Amino acid sequence: MDKTDPVKDFLRERGCSEQVVEGGLAGLVKTWGQVVETVKRGYLLTLDDYLNDLDGRQLLKEVLRVAPKGEKEKYMERIQRADEKMRTLVKPIGKCLWGAEVAEAEGWTPKKNWWYFSRPLKGDPDFLAEIDEV
């Protein structure tokens, strides 16, 4: 019998797609790295896509709380490097992209969940204008 995987169990309980569940922590880390590279090139998708990408980073934060110590240690440096790079590619905007009500309900803050409180420096003009209107 297989040992249960707390990360996959958590992702399943959150209602994530089977692809996300199967990817586990490694998949979330890889995806976050890809998002950072996309932002570096200039984000060309929509605000909905961007929010989905940021939700992936939030999910990564939450998964780290349940991940086994060894697995967590395996990825922390990579996550920190991606975060540091992302912070150079965005600027704080002083408000949550999901809105103040969601931020309050979720307990998100600009310090703990900075990804939701910043906008890319480069991107599609319509996308950036939409963020500025949030």
N, C-alpha and C. Protein backbone atom coordinates (compact mmCIF):
# COMPACT_ATOMS: atom_id res chain seq x y z
N MET A 1 0.83 -1.18 0.00
CA MET A 1 0.00 0.00 0.00
C MET A 1 0.88 1.26 0.00
N ASP A 2 0.51 2.24 -0.83
CA ASP A 2 1.29 3.47 -0.93
C ASP A 2 1.11 4.33 0.32
N LYS A 3 2.21 4.96 0.71
CA LYS A 3 2.14 5.94 1.78
C LYS A 3 1.39 7.16 1.26
N THR A 4 0.61 7.78 2.10
CA THR A 4 -0.10 8.97 1.62
C THR A 4 0.88 10.12 1.46
N ASP A 5 0.60 10.96 0.50
CA ASP A 5 1.41 12.13 0.21
C ASP A 5 0.62 13.34 0.71
N PRO A 6 1.10 13.99 1.79
CA PRO A 6 0.33 15.10 2.35
C PRO A 6 0.13 16.26 1.36
N VAL A 7 1.09 16.47 0.46
CA VAL A 7 0.95 17.54 -0.53
C VAL A 7 -0.18 17.21 -1.50
N LYS A 8 -0.15 15.98 -2.02
CA LYS A 8 -1.20 15.59 -2.98
C LYS A 8 -2.56 15.53 -2.30
N ASP A 9 -2.59 15.07 -1.06
CA ASP A 9 -3.85 15.05 -0.31
C ASP A 9 -4.39 16.47 -0.16
N PHE A 10 -3.52 17.40 0.21
CA PHE A 10 -3.92 18.79 0.37
C PHE A 10 -4.47 19.36 -0.94
N LEU A 11 -3.75 19.11 -2.03
CA LEU A 11 -4.18 19.64 -3.33
C LEU A 11 -5.52 19.04 -3.75
N ARG A 12 -5.70 17.76 -3.47
CA ARG A 12 -6.97 17.10 -3.79
C ARG A 12 -8.11 17.73 -2.99
N GLU A 13 -7.86 17.92 -1.70
CA GLU A 13 -8.87 18.53 -0.82
C GLU A 13 -9.23 19.94 -1.26
N ARG A 14 -8.27 20.64 -1.82
CA ARG A 14 -8.52 22.01 -2.31
C ARG A 14 -9.27 22.01 -3.65
N GLY A 15 -9.46 20.84 -4.24
CA GLY A 15 -10.20 20.77 -5.49
C GLY A 15 -9.36 21.07 -6.72
N CYS A 16 -8.05 20.91 -6.60
CA CYS A 16 -7.16 21.16 -7.73
C CYS A 16 -7.35 20.09 -8.80
N SER A 17 -6.98 20.45 -10.02
CA SER A 17 -7.07 19.49 -11.12
C SER A 17 -6.13 18.31 -10.86
N GLU A 18 -6.42 17.20 -11.48
CA GLU A 18 -5.57 16.01 -11.30
C GLU A 18 -4.15 16.29 -11.77
N GLN A 19 -4.00 17.14 -12.78
CA GLN A 19 -2.66 17.50 -13.27
C GLN A 19 -1.87 18.22 -12.18
N VAL A 20 -2.51 19.13 -11.48
CA VAL A 20 -1.85 19.85 -10.39
C VAL A 20 -1.54 18.89 -9.24
N VAL A 21 -2.50 18.03 -8.91
CA VAL A 21 -2.30 17.06 -7.83
C VAL A 21 -1.11 16.17 -8.15
N GLU A 22 -1.08 15.63 -9.34
CA GLU A 22 0.01 14.71 -9.73
C GLU A 22 1.36 15.43 -9.77
N GLY A 23 1.35 16.71 -10.16
CA GLY A 23 2.60 17.48 -10.19
C GLY A 23 3.14 17.74 -8.81
N GLY A 24 2.25 17.85 -7.83
CA GLY A 24 2.65 18.06 -6.45
C GLY A 24 3.49 19.31 -6.26
N LEU A 25 4.32 19.29 -5.25
CA LEU A 25 5.16 20.44 -4.94
C LEU A 25 6.11 20.75 -6.09
N ALA A 26 6.70 19.75 -6.69
CA ALA A 26 7.63 19.96 -7.80
C ALA A 26 6.94 20.70 -8.95
N GLY A 27 5.72 20.31 -9.24
CA GLY A 27 4.98 20.95 -10.32
C GLY A 27 4.64 22.40 -10.02
N LEU A 28 4.26 22.68 -8.78
CA LEU A 28 3.95 24.06 -8.39
C LEU A 28 5.20 24.93 -8.46
N VAL A 29 6.34 24.40 -8.05
CA VAL A 29 7.59 25.15 -8.10
C VAL A 29 7.97 25.42 -9.55
N LYS A 30 7.85 24.41 -10.39
CA LYS A 30 8.18 24.58 -11.81
C LYS A 30 7.27 25.62 -12.46
N THR A 31 5.98 25.54 -12.17
CA THR A 31 5.02 26.48 -12.75
C THR A 31 5.31 27.90 -12.30
N TRP A 32 5.63 28.11 -11.02
CA TRP A 32 5.95 29.45 -10.53
C TRP A 32 7.17 30.00 -11.26
N GLY A 33 8.17 29.17 -11.48
CA GLY A 33 9.35 29.59 -12.23
C GLY A 33 8.98 30.02 -13.65
N GLN A 34 8.05 29.30 -14.27
CA GLN A 34 7.60 29.65 -15.62
C GLN A 34 6.83 30.97 -15.62
N VAL A 35 6.04 31.19 -14.59
CA VAL A 35 5.30 32.46 -14.47
C VAL A 35 6.29 33.62 -14.37
N VAL A 36 7.31 33.45 -13.56
CA VAL A 36 8.31 34.50 -13.39
C VAL A 36 8.97 34.82 -14.74
N GLU A 37 9.31 33.80 -15.50
CA GLU A 37 9.91 34.02 -16.82
C GLU A 37 8.94 34.73 -17.77
N THR A 38 7.67 34.39 -17.68
CA THR A 38 6.65 35.04 -18.51
C THR A 38 6.55 36.52 -18.15
N VAL A 39 6.58 36.83 -16.87
CA VAL A 39 6.52 38.22 -16.42
C VAL A 39 7.79 38.96 -16.85
N LYS A 40 8.91 38.29 -16.82
CA LYS A 40 10.18 38.90 -17.23
C LYS A 40 10.11 39.34 -18.70
N ARG A 41 9.51 38.50 -19.54
CA ARG A 41 9.40 38.84 -20.96
C ARG A 41 8.37 39.93 -21.22
N GLY A 42 7.45 40.10 -20.31
CA GLY A 42 6.34 41.05 -20.48
C GLY A 42 5.06 40.24 -20.56
N TYR A 43 4.20 40.39 -19.59
CA TYR A 43 2.99 39.56 -19.47
C TYR A 43 1.99 39.97 -20.55
N LEU A 44 1.62 39.02 -21.40
CA LEU A 44 0.76 39.33 -22.55
C LEU A 44 -0.64 38.74 -22.44
N LEU A 45 -0.95 38.11 -21.31
CA LEU A 45 -2.26 37.51 -21.15
C LEU A 45 -3.20 38.48 -20.43
N THR A 46 -4.29 37.97 -19.90
CA THR A 46 -5.31 38.82 -19.27
C THR A 46 -5.12 38.88 -17.76
N LEU A 47 -5.88 39.76 -17.13
CA LEU A 47 -5.86 39.85 -15.67
C LEU A 47 -6.33 38.54 -15.06
N ASP A 48 -7.35 37.92 -15.63
CA ASP A 48 -7.81 36.62 -15.12
C ASP A 48 -6.69 35.59 -15.15
N ASP A 49 -5.93 35.56 -16.24
CA ASP A 49 -4.80 34.62 -16.34
C ASP A 49 -3.76 34.94 -15.27
N TYR A 50 -3.48 36.22 -15.09
CA TYR A 50 -2.48 36.64 -14.11
C TYR A 50 -2.91 36.26 -12.70
N LEU A 51 -4.18 36.50 -12.38
CA LEU A 51 -4.69 36.12 -11.07
C LEU A 51 -4.57 34.61 -10.86
N ASN A 52 -4.85 33.84 -11.89
CA ASN A 52 -4.70 32.39 -11.82
C ASN A 52 -3.24 32.02 -11.54
N ASP A 53 -2.32 32.70 -12.22
CA ASP A 53 -0.90 32.44 -11.99
C ASP A 53 -0.50 32.80 -10.55
N LEU A 54 -1.03 33.90 -10.05
CA LEU A 54 -0.73 34.30 -8.67
C LEU A 54 -1.35 33.33 -7.67
N ASP A 55 -2.52 32.80 -8.01
CA ASP A 55 -3.15 31.79 -7.15
C ASP A 55 -2.25 30.56 -7.04
N GLY A 56 -1.51 30.27 -8.11
CA GLY A 56 -0.54 29.17 -8.06
C GLY A 56 0.54 29.44 -7.04
N ARG A 57 0.98 30.70 -6.93
CA ARG A 57 2.00 31.04 -5.93
C ARG A 57 1.42 30.94 -4.52
N GLN A 58 0.16 31.35 -4.37
CA GLN A 58 -0.50 31.23 -3.08
C GLN A 58 -0.64 29.76 -2.69
N LEU A 59 -1.01 28.95 -3.64
CA LEU A 59 -1.14 27.51 -3.40
C LEU A 59 0.20 26.92 -2.98
N LEU A 60 1.26 27.38 -3.62
CA LEU A 60 2.61 26.93 -3.26
C LEU A 60 2.91 27.29 -1.80
N LYS A 61 2.56 28.50 -1.39
CA LYS A 61 2.77 28.92 0.00
C LYS A 61 2.03 27.98 0.96
N GLU A 62 0.79 27.67 0.62
CA GLU A 62 -0.03 26.83 1.48
C GLU A 62 0.48 25.39 1.51
N VAL A 63 0.92 24.88 0.39
CA VAL A 63 1.43 23.51 0.31
C VAL A 63 2.70 23.35 1.14
N LEU A 64 3.50 24.40 1.20
CA LEU A 64 4.75 24.32 1.98
C LEU A 64 4.48 24.05 3.45
N ARG A 65 3.30 24.40 3.93
CA ARG A 65 2.96 24.14 5.34
C ARG A 65 2.75 22.66 5.62
N VAL A 66 2.35 21.90 4.61
CA VAL A 66 2.06 20.48 4.82
C VAL A 66 3.12 19.56 4.22
N ALA A 67 4.02 20.13 3.43
CA ALA A 67 5.05 19.31 2.77
C ALA A 67 6.01 18.72 3.80
N PRO A 68 6.43 17.47 3.58
CA PRO A 68 7.44 16.88 4.46
C PRO A 68 8.72 17.73 4.44
N LYS A 69 9.39 17.78 5.57
CA LYS A 69 10.57 18.64 5.73
C LYS A 69 11.59 18.43 4.61
N GLY A 70 11.90 17.20 4.30
CA GLY A 70 12.90 16.92 3.27
C GLY A 70 12.49 17.44 1.90
N GLU A 71 11.22 17.27 1.58
CA GLU A 71 10.72 17.75 0.28
C GLU A 71 10.74 19.27 0.24
N LYS A 72 10.34 19.88 1.34
CA LYS A 72 10.32 21.34 1.42
C LYS A 72 11.74 21.89 1.25
N GLU A 73 12.69 21.30 1.97
CA GLU A 73 14.08 21.76 1.89
C GLU A 73 14.64 21.63 0.48
N LYS A 74 14.18 20.62 -0.22
CA LYS A 74 14.64 20.37 -1.59
C LYS A 74 14.31 21.53 -2.53
N TYR A 75 13.21 22.23 -2.26
CA TYR A 75 12.72 23.27 -3.18
C TYR A 75 12.83 24.70 -2.68
N MET A 76 13.12 24.90 -1.40
CA MET A 76 13.08 26.25 -0.83
C MET A 76 14.02 27.23 -1.55
N GLU A 77 15.22 26.81 -1.86
CA GLU A 77 16.16 27.73 -2.51
C GLU A 77 15.63 28.14 -3.88
N ARG A 78 15.08 27.20 -4.61
CA ARG A 78 14.52 27.48 -5.93
C ARG A 78 13.33 28.46 -5.83
N ILE A 79 12.48 28.25 -4.85
CA ILE A 79 11.34 29.14 -4.64
C ILE A 79 11.82 30.54 -4.27
N GLN A 80 12.79 30.62 -3.38
CA GLN A 80 13.31 31.92 -2.96
C GLN A 80 13.96 32.67 -4.13
N ARG A 81 14.69 31.94 -4.98
CA ARG A 81 15.30 32.57 -6.16
C ARG A 81 14.22 33.11 -7.10
N ALA A 82 13.18 32.32 -7.33
CA ALA A 82 12.09 32.76 -8.21
C ALA A 82 11.39 33.97 -7.61
N ASP A 83 11.14 33.94 -6.30
CA ASP A 83 10.49 35.08 -5.63
C ASP A 83 11.35 36.34 -5.74
N GLU A 84 12.64 36.20 -5.49
CA GLU A 84 13.54 37.35 -5.58
C GLU A 84 13.53 37.94 -6.98
N LYS A 85 13.55 37.08 -7.97
CA LYS A 85 13.53 37.54 -9.36
C LYS A 85 12.20 38.24 -9.66
N MET A 86 11.10 37.63 -9.21
CA MET A 86 9.78 38.21 -9.46
C MET A 86 9.67 39.59 -8.83
N ARG A 87 10.21 39.75 -7.64
CA ARG A 87 10.13 41.04 -6.95
C ARG A 87 10.82 42.15 -7.75
N THR A 88 11.80 41.80 -8.57
CA THR A 88 12.47 42.81 -9.41
C THR A 88 11.65 43.12 -10.66
N LEU A 89 10.64 42.32 -10.95
CA LEU A 89 9.86 42.44 -12.18
C LEU A 89 8.48 43.06 -11.94
N VAL A 90 8.17 43.32 -10.67
CA VAL A 90 6.86 43.89 -10.31
C VAL A 90 7.08 45.09 -9.40
N LYS A 91 6.02 45.89 -9.27
CA LYS A 91 6.08 47.01 -8.31
C LYS A 91 4.86 46.93 -7.41
N PRO A 92 5.04 47.25 -6.14
CA PRO A 92 3.91 47.26 -5.20
C PRO A 92 2.87 48.29 -5.64
N ILE A 93 1.59 47.94 -5.47
CA ILE A 93 0.53 48.87 -5.86
C ILE A 93 -0.36 49.28 -4.69
N GLY A 94 -0.09 48.75 -3.50
CA GLY A 94 -0.82 49.18 -2.32
C GLY A 94 -2.25 48.67 -2.20
N LYS A 95 -2.62 47.77 -3.08
CA LYS A 95 -3.95 47.16 -3.00
C LYS A 95 -3.88 45.75 -3.55
N CYS A 96 -4.81 44.92 -3.10
CA CYS A 96 -4.85 43.53 -3.54
C CYS A 96 -5.54 43.43 -4.89
N LEU A 97 -4.95 42.69 -5.80
CA LEU A 97 -5.54 42.51 -7.13
C LEU A 97 -6.87 41.78 -7.09
N TRP A 98 -7.11 41.01 -6.04
CA TRP A 98 -8.40 40.33 -5.89
C TRP A 98 -9.43 41.23 -5.22
N GLY A 99 -8.99 42.37 -4.71
CA GLY A 99 -9.90 43.30 -4.03
C GLY A 99 -9.73 43.23 -2.53
N ALA A 100 -10.10 44.31 -1.87
CA ALA A 100 -9.93 44.44 -0.43
C ALA A 100 -10.75 43.40 0.35
N GLU A 101 -11.95 43.12 -0.11
CA GLU A 101 -12.81 42.16 0.61
C GLU A 101 -12.19 40.77 0.62
N VAL A 102 -11.69 40.35 -0.53
CA VAL A 102 -11.07 39.02 -0.62
C VAL A 102 -9.81 38.98 0.24
N ALA A 103 -9.00 40.02 0.15
CA ALA A 103 -7.77 40.07 0.95
C ALA A 103 -8.08 39.96 2.44
N GLU A 104 -9.09 40.68 2.87
CA GLU A 104 -9.47 40.64 4.28
C GLU A 104 -9.99 39.26 4.67
N ALA A 105 -10.85 38.71 3.84
CA ALA A 105 -11.43 37.38 4.13
C ALA A 105 -10.37 36.30 4.18
N GLU A 106 -9.36 36.40 3.31
CA GLU A 106 -8.30 35.40 3.25
C GLU A 106 -7.15 35.68 4.22
N GLY A 107 -7.11 36.88 4.76
CA GLY A 107 -6.02 37.25 5.66
C GLY A 107 -4.74 37.57 4.92
N TRP A 108 -4.85 37.98 3.66
CA TRP A 108 -3.67 38.31 2.86
C TRP A 108 -3.19 39.71 3.18
N THR A 109 -1.87 39.85 3.24
CA THR A 109 -1.27 41.16 3.49
C THR A 109 -0.17 41.41 2.46
N PRO A 110 0.16 42.69 2.24
CA PRO A 110 1.23 43.01 1.29
C PRO A 110 2.57 42.39 1.67
N LYS A 111 2.77 42.13 2.95
CA LYS A 111 4.03 41.53 3.38
C LYS A 111 4.05 40.01 3.16
N LYS A 112 3.00 39.32 3.60
CA LYS A 112 2.96 37.86 3.52
C LYS A 112 2.59 37.35 2.13
N ASN A 113 1.81 38.11 1.39
CA ASN A 113 1.27 37.68 0.10
C ASN A 113 1.55 38.76 -0.95
N TRP A 114 2.78 39.21 -1.01
CA TRP A 114 3.17 40.34 -1.85
C TRP A 114 2.77 40.19 -3.31
N TRP A 115 2.70 38.96 -3.80
CA TRP A 115 2.37 38.73 -5.21
C TRP A 115 0.99 39.28 -5.58
N TYR A 116 0.06 39.27 -4.63
CA TYR A 116 -1.27 39.80 -4.89
C TYR A 116 -1.33 41.33 -4.80
N PHE A 117 -0.29 41.95 -4.29
CA PHE A 117 -0.29 43.40 -4.05
C PHE A 117 0.73 44.12 -4.94
N SER A 118 1.02 43.55 -6.10
CA SER A 118 1.99 44.17 -7.01
C SER A 118 1.56 43.92 -8.45
N ARG A 119 2.16 44.67 -9.35
CA ARG A 119 1.84 44.52 -10.77
C ARG A 119 3.13 44.44 -11.57
N PRO A 120 3.09 43.70 -12.68
CA PRO A 120 4.28 43.61 -13.53
C PRO A 120 4.69 44.98 -14.06
N LEU A 121 5.97 45.17 -14.24
CA LEU A 121 6.49 46.40 -14.82
C LEU A 121 6.27 46.42 -16.33
N LYS A 122 6.30 45.23 -16.94
CA LYS A 122 6.13 45.13 -18.40
C LYS A 122 4.96 44.20 -18.71
N GLY A 123 4.23 44.56 -19.74
CA GLY A 123 3.13 43.71 -20.16
C GLY A 123 2.27 44.37 -21.21
N ASP A 124 1.26 43.65 -21.63
CA ASP A 124 0.30 44.16 -22.58
C ASP A 124 -0.34 45.43 -21.99
N PRO A 125 -0.41 46.52 -22.77
CA PRO A 125 -0.96 47.78 -22.25
C PRO A 125 -2.39 47.63 -21.70
N ASP A 126 -3.22 46.85 -22.35
CA ASP A 126 -4.59 46.66 -21.86
C ASP A 126 -4.60 45.92 -20.53
N PHE A 127 -3.74 44.92 -20.41
CA PHE A 127 -3.61 44.17 -19.15
C PHE A 127 -3.16 45.09 -18.02
N LEU A 128 -2.13 45.89 -18.28
CA LEU A 128 -1.61 46.80 -17.24
C LEU A 128 -2.65 47.85 -16.87
N ALA A 129 -3.39 48.34 -17.87
CA ALA A 129 -4.43 49.34 -17.60
C ALA A 129 -5.54 48.70 -16.74
N GLU A 130 -5.86 47.44 -17.01
CA GLU A 130 -6.89 46.75 -16.24
C GLU A 130 -6.45 46.62 -14.77
N ILE A 131 -5.19 46.31 -14.55
CA ILE A 131 -4.67 46.22 -13.18
C ILE A 131 -4.77 47.58 -12.51
N ASP A 132 -4.41 48.64 -13.22
CA ASP A 132 -4.43 49.97 -12.63
C ASP A 132 -5.85 50.41 -12.26
N GLU A 133 -6.86 49.79 -12.89
CA GLU A 133 -8.25 50.14 -12.61
C GLU A 133 -8.83 49.33 -11.46
N VAL A 134 -8.12 48.29 -11.02
CA VAL A 134 -8.63 47.42 -9.95
C VAL A 134 -8.84 48.21 -8.68
